[in-house]
Amino acid sequence: MTGSRVDVLHGVNLDMLGRRDPDHYGTLTLTELEVKVKHFADDLGLDVAFFQSNHEGQFCEWLHRAAENTDGLILNPGAWTHYSWAIHDALEIAALPAVEVHLSAVDEREEWRRLSVIRELCVGSVQGKGVDGYREALEMLKERLGK
């Protein structure tokens, strides 16, 4: 099990962490978040790689190639979570265990944020726990990959 690779995919506007509303997203930048997630992964014996894009097609293309070199996925597609059926279909094609993560508690926010078009394809969903949600997601994947 040690050495399983997990790709962490960040979607639209996640590169603006640290500049976005800190009440919902905290004050960490994307780079700082990724450093913390890397430490979490190291603690759990997982290899981790990161990808961020503001371009939906690039996000889908990453998912299309994911099964070639990744064992599991953590996805925070940002606003695409709520309407991108293209990402839904690309995740279905990837056919990898995936966990959906959101820094904020999206189910407690605006009505439109409560819909997730990817949740049904994921083995778990974590929201509203800030950066610690990524640790929980990694733990879920480690357990899943160990079975």
N, C-alpha and C. Protein backbone atom coordinates (compact mmCIF):
# COMPACT_ATOMS: atom_id res chain seq x y z
N MET A 1 0.83 -1.19 0.00
CA MET A 1 0.00 0.00 0.00
C MET A 1 0.87 1.25 0.00
N THR A 2 1.98 1.23 0.70
CA THR A 2 2.83 2.41 0.77
C THR A 2 3.27 2.79 -0.62
N GLY A 3 3.27 4.09 -0.87
CA GLY A 3 3.68 4.59 -2.17
C GLY A 3 2.56 4.75 -3.16
N SER A 4 1.32 4.46 -2.79
CA SER A 4 0.22 4.72 -3.70
C SER A 4 0.22 6.20 -4.04
N ARG A 5 -0.05 6.49 -5.30
CA ARG A 5 -0.04 7.88 -5.74
C ARG A 5 -1.46 8.43 -5.77
N VAL A 6 -1.59 9.63 -5.25
CA VAL A 6 -2.85 10.36 -5.25
C VAL A 6 -2.62 11.69 -5.95
N ASP A 7 -3.46 11.98 -6.93
CA ASP A 7 -3.42 13.28 -7.58
C ASP A 7 -4.47 14.18 -6.94
N VAL A 8 -4.08 15.39 -6.60
CA VAL A 8 -4.97 16.39 -6.03
C VAL A 8 -5.21 17.43 -7.11
N LEU A 9 -6.46 17.50 -7.57
CA LEU A 9 -6.82 18.39 -8.66
C LEU A 9 -7.62 19.57 -8.12
N HIS A 10 -7.11 20.76 -8.36
CA HIS A 10 -7.79 21.99 -7.97
C HIS A 10 -8.32 22.68 -9.21
N GLY A 11 -9.57 23.10 -9.13
CA GLY A 11 -10.21 23.71 -10.29
C GLY A 11 -10.20 25.21 -10.27
N VAL A 12 -11.18 25.72 -10.94
CA VAL A 12 -11.30 27.15 -11.24
C VAL A 12 -11.26 28.00 -9.97
N ASN A 13 -10.46 29.04 -10.02
CA ASN A 13 -10.29 30.05 -8.96
C ASN A 13 -9.56 29.57 -7.72
N LEU A 14 -9.16 28.31 -7.66
CA LEU A 14 -8.43 27.86 -6.48
C LEU A 14 -7.03 28.47 -6.43
N ASP A 15 -6.53 28.93 -7.56
CA ASP A 15 -5.24 29.64 -7.56
C ASP A 15 -5.34 31.01 -6.89
N MET A 16 -6.55 31.43 -6.56
CA MET A 16 -6.77 32.72 -5.90
C MET A 16 -6.93 32.58 -4.39
N LEU A 17 -6.68 31.38 -3.86
CA LEU A 17 -6.72 31.22 -2.41
C LEU A 17 -5.75 32.21 -1.77
N GLY A 18 -6.13 32.73 -0.64
CA GLY A 18 -5.36 33.77 0.02
C GLY A 18 -5.85 35.16 -0.35
N ARG A 19 -6.52 35.25 -1.50
CA ARG A 19 -7.12 36.51 -1.95
C ARG A 19 -8.63 36.46 -1.91
N ARG A 20 -9.20 35.27 -1.90
CA ARG A 20 -10.65 35.10 -1.86
C ARG A 20 -11.16 35.27 -0.44
N ASP A 21 -12.43 35.34 -0.30
CA ASP A 21 -13.11 35.55 0.98
C ASP A 21 -12.56 34.61 2.06
N PRO A 22 -11.77 35.15 3.01
CA PRO A 22 -11.17 34.28 4.03
C PRO A 22 -12.18 33.64 4.97
N ASP A 23 -13.39 34.20 5.09
CA ASP A 23 -14.41 33.58 5.94
C ASP A 23 -14.82 32.22 5.40
N HIS A 24 -14.77 32.06 4.09
CA HIS A 24 -15.15 30.78 3.47
C HIS A 24 -13.94 29.91 3.14
N TYR A 25 -12.85 30.53 2.73
CA TYR A 25 -11.74 29.77 2.17
C TYR A 25 -10.46 29.81 3.00
N GLY A 26 -10.44 30.55 4.10
CA GLY A 26 -9.24 30.65 4.91
C GLY A 26 -8.24 31.61 4.28
N THR A 27 -7.06 31.65 4.86
CA THR A 27 -6.05 32.61 4.41
C THR A 27 -4.87 31.97 3.70
N LEU A 28 -4.82 30.64 3.65
CA LEU A 28 -3.70 29.97 2.97
C LEU A 28 -3.75 30.21 1.47
N THR A 29 -2.59 30.37 0.87
CA THR A 29 -2.50 30.39 -0.59
C THR A 29 -2.56 28.94 -1.08
N LEU A 30 -2.72 28.77 -2.37
CA LEU A 30 -2.73 27.42 -2.94
C LEU A 30 -1.40 26.72 -2.67
N THR A 31 -0.31 27.43 -2.82
CA THR A 31 1.01 26.83 -2.56
C THR A 31 1.12 26.39 -1.11
N GLU A 32 0.69 27.22 -0.17
CA GLU A 32 0.74 26.85 1.24
C GLU A 32 -0.17 25.65 1.53
N LEU A 33 -1.34 25.61 0.91
CA LEU A 33 -2.24 24.48 1.08
C LEU A 33 -1.58 23.20 0.57
N GLU A 34 -0.94 23.28 -0.60
CA GLU A 34 -0.31 22.10 -1.17
C GLU A 34 0.86 21.60 -0.32
N VAL A 35 1.60 22.50 0.30
CA VAL A 35 2.69 22.09 1.20
C VAL A 35 2.10 21.30 2.37
N LYS A 36 1.01 21.79 2.94
CA LYS A 36 0.37 21.08 4.05
C LYS A 36 -0.15 19.71 3.60
N VAL A 37 -0.79 19.67 2.43
CA VAL A 37 -1.31 18.40 1.93
C VAL A 37 -0.16 17.42 1.67
N LYS A 38 0.95 17.90 1.18
CA LYS A 38 2.13 17.05 0.95
C LYS A 38 2.60 16.45 2.28
N HIS A 39 2.62 17.24 3.34
CA HIS A 39 2.99 16.73 4.65
C HIS A 39 2.00 15.66 5.13
N PHE A 40 0.70 15.92 4.93
CA PHE A 40 -0.32 14.93 5.30
C PHE A 40 -0.05 13.62 4.56
N ALA A 41 0.19 13.73 3.25
CA ALA A 41 0.42 12.54 2.43
C ALA A 41 1.67 11.79 2.90
N ASP A 42 2.74 12.52 3.17
CA ASP A 42 3.97 11.89 3.66
C ASP A 42 3.69 11.12 4.95
N ASP A 43 2.94 11.72 5.86
CA ASP A 43 2.60 11.07 7.14
C ASP A 43 1.84 9.76 6.92
N LEU A 44 1.06 9.71 5.85
CA LEU A 44 0.24 8.54 5.56
C LEU A 44 0.91 7.55 4.62
N GLY A 45 2.13 7.86 4.17
CA GLY A 45 2.84 6.97 3.26
C GLY A 45 2.31 7.00 1.85
N LEU A 46 1.76 8.13 1.44
CA LEU A 46 1.22 8.28 0.10
C LEU A 46 2.09 9.26 -0.70
N ASP A 47 2.22 9.00 -1.98
CA ASP A 47 2.83 9.96 -2.89
C ASP A 47 1.73 10.86 -3.41
N VAL A 48 2.01 12.14 -3.56
CA VAL A 48 0.98 13.07 -3.98
C VAL A 48 1.53 13.98 -5.08
N ALA A 49 0.67 14.28 -6.03
CA ALA A 49 0.98 15.22 -7.10
C ALA A 49 -0.19 16.20 -7.21
N PHE A 50 0.10 17.40 -7.66
CA PHE A 50 -0.91 18.46 -7.71
C PHE A 50 -1.10 18.99 -9.12
N PHE A 51 -2.33 19.42 -9.37
CA PHE A 51 -2.67 20.06 -10.65
C PHE A 51 -3.73 21.10 -10.37
N GLN A 52 -3.61 22.26 -10.99
CA GLN A 52 -4.63 23.31 -10.90
C GLN A 52 -4.81 23.91 -12.26
N SER A 53 -6.06 24.16 -12.63
CA SER A 53 -6.35 24.84 -13.88
C SER A 53 -7.63 25.65 -13.75
N ASN A 54 -7.65 26.76 -14.47
CA ASN A 54 -8.87 27.55 -14.62
C ASN A 54 -9.55 27.24 -15.95
N HIS A 55 -9.08 26.19 -16.62
CA HIS A 55 -9.60 25.82 -17.94
C HIS A 55 -10.21 24.42 -17.85
N GLU A 56 -11.51 24.35 -18.03
CA GLU A 56 -12.25 23.12 -17.85
C GLU A 56 -11.72 21.99 -18.74
N GLY A 57 -11.36 22.30 -19.97
CA GLY A 57 -10.84 21.29 -20.89
C GLY A 57 -9.54 20.69 -20.39
N GLN A 58 -8.65 21.52 -19.84
CA GLN A 58 -7.39 21.00 -19.27
C GLN A 58 -7.67 20.08 -18.09
N PHE A 59 -8.63 20.47 -17.26
CA PHE A 59 -9.02 19.65 -16.11
C PHE A 59 -9.51 18.28 -16.59
N CYS A 60 -10.34 18.28 -17.61
CA CYS A 60 -10.86 17.02 -18.17
C CYS A 60 -9.73 16.19 -18.78
N GLU A 61 -8.82 16.83 -19.49
CA GLU A 61 -7.71 16.09 -20.09
C GLU A 61 -6.83 15.45 -19.03
N TRP A 62 -6.63 16.12 -17.90
CA TRP A 62 -5.86 15.52 -16.80
C TRP A 62 -6.58 14.27 -16.31
N LEU A 63 -7.89 14.36 -16.15
CA LEU A 63 -8.67 13.20 -15.72
C LEU A 63 -8.59 12.07 -16.74
N HIS A 64 -8.58 12.39 -18.03
CA HIS A 64 -8.49 11.36 -19.07
C HIS A 64 -7.20 10.56 -18.94
N ARG A 65 -6.10 11.21 -18.52
CA ARG A 65 -4.80 10.55 -18.40
C ARG A 65 -4.54 9.98 -17.01
N ALA A 66 -5.38 10.29 -16.06
CA ALA A 66 -5.10 9.97 -14.65
C ALA A 66 -4.82 8.49 -14.40
N ALA A 67 -5.57 7.61 -15.00
CA ALA A 67 -5.42 6.18 -14.72
C ALA A 67 -4.06 5.64 -15.16
N GLU A 68 -3.34 6.38 -15.99
CA GLU A 68 -2.03 5.93 -16.46
C GLU A 68 -0.98 5.96 -15.35
N ASN A 69 -1.15 6.86 -14.34
CA ASN A 69 -0.08 6.99 -13.35
C ASN A 69 -0.57 7.33 -11.94
N THR A 70 -1.85 7.19 -11.69
CA THR A 70 -2.42 7.57 -10.40
C THR A 70 -3.30 6.45 -9.87
N ASP A 71 -3.30 6.31 -8.55
CA ASP A 71 -4.13 5.29 -7.92
C ASP A 71 -5.44 5.85 -7.39
N GLY A 72 -5.46 7.15 -7.06
CA GLY A 72 -6.66 7.77 -6.52
C GLY A 72 -6.62 9.27 -6.74
N LEU A 73 -7.77 9.88 -6.56
CA LEU A 73 -7.91 11.31 -6.83
C LEU A 73 -8.58 12.04 -5.68
N ILE A 74 -8.13 13.26 -5.46
CA ILE A 74 -8.85 14.20 -4.62
C ILE A 74 -9.19 15.37 -5.53
N LEU A 75 -10.47 15.71 -5.56
CA LEU A 75 -10.92 16.76 -6.47
C LEU A 75 -11.59 17.90 -5.71
N ASN A 76 -11.14 19.10 -5.99
CA ASN A 76 -11.84 20.31 -5.59
C ASN A 76 -12.00 21.12 -6.87
N PRO A 77 -13.06 20.84 -7.63
CA PRO A 77 -13.23 21.53 -8.91
C PRO A 77 -13.70 22.98 -8.80
N GLY A 78 -13.88 23.48 -7.58
CA GLY A 78 -14.40 24.84 -7.44
C GLY A 78 -15.82 24.90 -7.96
N ALA A 79 -16.17 25.99 -8.61
CA ALA A 79 -17.53 26.19 -9.10
C ALA A 79 -17.96 25.14 -10.13
N TRP A 80 -17.00 24.51 -10.80
CA TRP A 80 -17.36 23.46 -11.76
C TRP A 80 -18.11 22.31 -11.08
N THR A 81 -17.88 22.15 -9.79
CA THR A 81 -18.57 21.10 -9.03
C THR A 81 -20.06 21.12 -9.27
N HIS A 82 -20.60 22.30 -9.46
CA HIS A 82 -22.04 22.49 -9.44
C HIS A 82 -22.71 22.38 -10.81
N TYR A 83 -21.90 22.32 -11.88
CA TYR A 83 -22.54 22.29 -13.20
C TYR A 83 -21.75 21.61 -14.32
N SER A 84 -20.52 21.19 -14.07
CA SER A 84 -19.72 20.66 -15.17
C SER A 84 -19.95 19.17 -15.39
N TRP A 85 -20.86 18.89 -16.30
CA TRP A 85 -21.10 17.51 -16.66
C TRP A 85 -19.93 16.95 -17.46
N ALA A 86 -19.13 17.82 -18.07
CA ALA A 86 -17.91 17.37 -18.75
C ALA A 86 -16.92 16.79 -17.75
N ILE A 87 -16.77 17.44 -16.60
CA ILE A 87 -15.89 16.91 -15.56
C ILE A 87 -16.48 15.64 -14.97
N HIS A 88 -17.78 15.61 -14.78
CA HIS A 88 -18.45 14.38 -14.33
C HIS A 88 -18.09 13.22 -15.25
N ASP A 89 -18.25 13.42 -16.56
CA ASP A 89 -18.00 12.35 -17.51
C ASP A 89 -16.52 11.96 -17.55
N ALA A 90 -15.62 12.95 -17.45
CA ALA A 90 -14.18 12.65 -17.44
C ALA A 90 -13.80 11.86 -16.18
N LEU A 91 -14.41 12.19 -15.06
CA LEU A 91 -14.16 11.44 -13.83
C LEU A 91 -14.68 10.01 -13.95
N GLU A 92 -15.82 9.86 -14.59
CA GLU A 92 -16.37 8.52 -14.82
C GLU A 92 -15.44 7.71 -15.71
N ILE A 93 -14.87 8.35 -16.74
CA ILE A 93 -13.92 7.67 -17.63
C ILE A 93 -12.67 7.27 -16.86
N ALA A 94 -12.19 8.13 -15.98
CA ALA A 94 -10.98 7.84 -15.19
C ALA A 94 -11.16 6.57 -14.36
N ALA A 95 -12.36 6.35 -13.85
CA ALA A 95 -12.71 5.13 -13.10
C ALA A 95 -11.73 4.84 -11.96
N LEU A 96 -11.36 5.89 -11.24
CA LEU A 96 -10.47 5.77 -10.09
C LEU A 96 -11.22 6.15 -8.82
N PRO A 97 -10.82 5.61 -7.67
CA PRO A 97 -11.43 6.09 -6.44
C PRO A 97 -11.10 7.57 -6.26
N ALA A 98 -12.12 8.34 -5.93
CA ALA A 98 -11.96 9.79 -5.81
C ALA A 98 -12.73 10.29 -4.60
N VAL A 99 -12.20 11.36 -4.00
CA VAL A 99 -12.87 12.03 -2.91
C VAL A 99 -13.03 13.49 -3.30
N GLU A 100 -14.24 13.99 -3.14
CA GLU A 100 -14.56 15.39 -3.39
C GLU A 100 -14.26 16.20 -2.13
N VAL A 101 -13.54 17.31 -2.27
CA VAL A 101 -13.18 18.15 -1.13
C VAL A 101 -13.54 19.60 -1.41
N HIS A 102 -14.09 20.25 -0.40
CA HIS A 102 -14.35 21.70 -0.46
C HIS A 102 -13.89 22.31 0.85
N LEU A 103 -13.17 23.41 0.76
CA LEU A 103 -12.69 24.10 1.95
C LEU A 103 -13.85 24.63 2.78
N SER A 104 -14.86 25.15 2.10
CA SER A 104 -16.03 25.71 2.80
C SER A 104 -17.14 24.66 2.87
N ALA A 105 -18.12 24.93 3.70
CA ALA A 105 -19.27 24.04 3.84
C ALA A 105 -20.29 24.40 2.76
N VAL A 106 -20.07 23.88 1.56
CA VAL A 106 -20.89 24.26 0.42
C VAL A 106 -22.37 23.94 0.60
N ASP A 107 -22.68 22.88 1.34
CA ASP A 107 -24.08 22.52 1.56
C ASP A 107 -24.81 23.50 2.48
N GLU A 108 -24.07 24.40 3.10
CA GLU A 108 -24.66 25.40 3.99
C GLU A 108 -24.63 26.79 3.39
N ARG A 109 -24.21 26.89 2.15
CA ARG A 109 -24.08 28.19 1.50
C ARG A 109 -25.24 28.42 0.53
N GLU A 110 -25.01 29.19 -0.52
CA GLU A 110 -26.07 29.50 -1.48
C GLU A 110 -26.65 28.21 -2.06
N GLU A 111 -27.91 28.28 -2.41
CA GLU A 111 -28.62 27.10 -2.93
C GLU A 111 -27.88 26.46 -4.11
N TRP A 112 -27.38 27.26 -5.04
CA TRP A 112 -26.74 26.72 -6.23
C TRP A 112 -25.47 25.94 -5.91
N ARG A 113 -24.84 26.23 -4.77
CA ARG A 113 -23.61 25.52 -4.39
C ARG A 113 -23.90 24.14 -3.80
N ARG A 114 -25.14 23.85 -3.51
CA ARG A 114 -25.48 22.60 -2.85
C ARG A 114 -25.53 21.40 -3.80
N LEU A 115 -25.57 21.67 -5.09
CA LEU A 115 -25.56 20.60 -6.09
C LEU A 115 -24.12 20.23 -6.43
N SER A 116 -23.82 18.97 -6.38
CA SER A 116 -22.53 18.46 -6.85
C SER A 116 -22.80 17.44 -7.94
N VAL A 117 -22.27 17.69 -9.12
CA VAL A 117 -22.46 16.76 -10.22
C VAL A 117 -21.44 15.63 -10.21
N ILE A 118 -20.47 15.69 -9.29
CA ILE A 118 -19.46 14.62 -9.21
C ILE A 118 -19.63 13.71 -7.99
N ARG A 119 -20.40 14.14 -7.02
CA ARG A 119 -20.47 13.42 -5.73
C ARG A 119 -20.84 11.95 -5.91
N GLU A 120 -21.77 11.65 -6.82
CA GLU A 120 -22.20 10.27 -7.01
C GLU A 120 -21.08 9.36 -7.51
N LEU A 121 -20.03 9.94 -8.08
CA LEU A 121 -18.91 9.15 -8.59
C LEU A 121 -17.78 9.01 -7.59
N CYS A 122 -17.90 9.66 -6.44
CA CYS A 122 -16.84 9.70 -5.45
C CYS A 122 -17.09 8.71 -4.32
N VAL A 123 -16.01 8.22 -3.73
CA VAL A 123 -16.13 7.31 -2.59
C VAL A 123 -16.37 8.08 -1.30
N GLY A 124 -16.21 9.39 -1.34
CA GLY A 124 -16.46 10.21 -0.17
C GLY A 124 -16.46 11.68 -0.53
N SER A 125 -16.94 12.48 0.41
CA SER A 125 -17.00 13.92 0.23
C SER A 125 -16.69 14.58 1.57
N VAL A 126 -15.84 15.59 1.53
CA VAL A 126 -15.46 16.32 2.74
C VAL A 126 -15.63 17.80 2.44
N GLN A 127 -16.30 18.49 3.36
CA GLN A 127 -16.48 19.92 3.16
C GLN A 127 -16.49 20.66 4.49
N GLY A 128 -16.09 21.92 4.41
CA GLY A 128 -16.17 22.79 5.57
C GLY A 128 -15.11 22.57 6.63
N LYS A 129 -14.05 21.83 6.29
CA LYS A 129 -13.00 21.55 7.27
C LYS A 129 -11.69 22.22 6.91
N GLY A 130 -11.73 23.13 5.94
CA GLY A 130 -10.50 23.81 5.53
C GLY A 130 -9.47 22.81 5.05
N VAL A 131 -8.20 23.14 5.30
CA VAL A 131 -7.11 22.28 4.85
C VAL A 131 -7.17 20.90 5.50
N ASP A 132 -7.72 20.78 6.70
CA ASP A 132 -7.82 19.47 7.36
C ASP A 132 -8.72 18.51 6.59
N GLY A 133 -9.61 19.03 5.76
CA GLY A 133 -10.44 18.18 4.92
C GLY A 133 -9.63 17.36 3.94
N TYR A 134 -8.48 17.90 3.53
CA TYR A 134 -7.61 17.15 2.63
C TYR A 134 -6.98 15.97 3.34
N ARG A 135 -6.63 16.13 4.61
CA ARG A 135 -6.10 14.99 5.39
C ARG A 135 -7.17 13.89 5.47
N GLU A 136 -8.40 14.30 5.78
CA GLU A 136 -9.48 13.32 5.86
C GLU A 136 -9.68 12.62 4.53
N ALA A 137 -9.60 13.36 3.43
CA ALA A 137 -9.75 12.76 2.10
C ALA A 137 -8.62 11.78 1.82
N LEU A 138 -7.39 12.13 2.18
CA LEU A 138 -6.26 11.22 1.99
C LEU A 138 -6.44 9.95 2.82
N GLU A 139 -6.94 10.11 4.03
CA GLU A 139 -7.20 8.92 4.88
C GLU A 139 -8.24 8.02 4.25
N MET A 140 -9.30 8.62 3.69
CA MET A 140 -10.34 7.82 3.00
C MET A 140 -9.74 7.05 1.84
N LEU A 141 -8.91 7.73 1.05
CA LEU A 141 -8.31 7.05 -0.10
C LEU A 141 -7.34 5.97 0.33
N LYS A 142 -6.55 6.23 1.36
CA LYS A 142 -5.61 5.21 1.83
C LYS A 142 -6.37 3.95 2.24
N GLU A 143 -7.46 4.13 2.98
CA GLU A 143 -8.27 2.99 3.38
C GLU A 143 -8.83 2.26 2.16
N ARG A 144 -9.34 3.04 1.23
CA ARG A 144 -9.94 2.45 0.01
C ARG A 144 -8.90 1.70 -0.82
N LEU A 145 -7.73 2.30 -0.97
CA LEU A 145 -6.68 1.69 -1.79
C LEU A 145 -6.09 0.45 -1.11
N GLY A 146 -6.19 0.41 0.22
CA GLY A 146 -5.66 -0.73 0.95
C GLY A 146 -6.54 -1.97 0.90
N LYS A 147 -7.78 -1.81 0.44
CA LYS A 147 -8.72 -2.94 0.41
C LYS A 147 -8.46 -3.84 -0.79
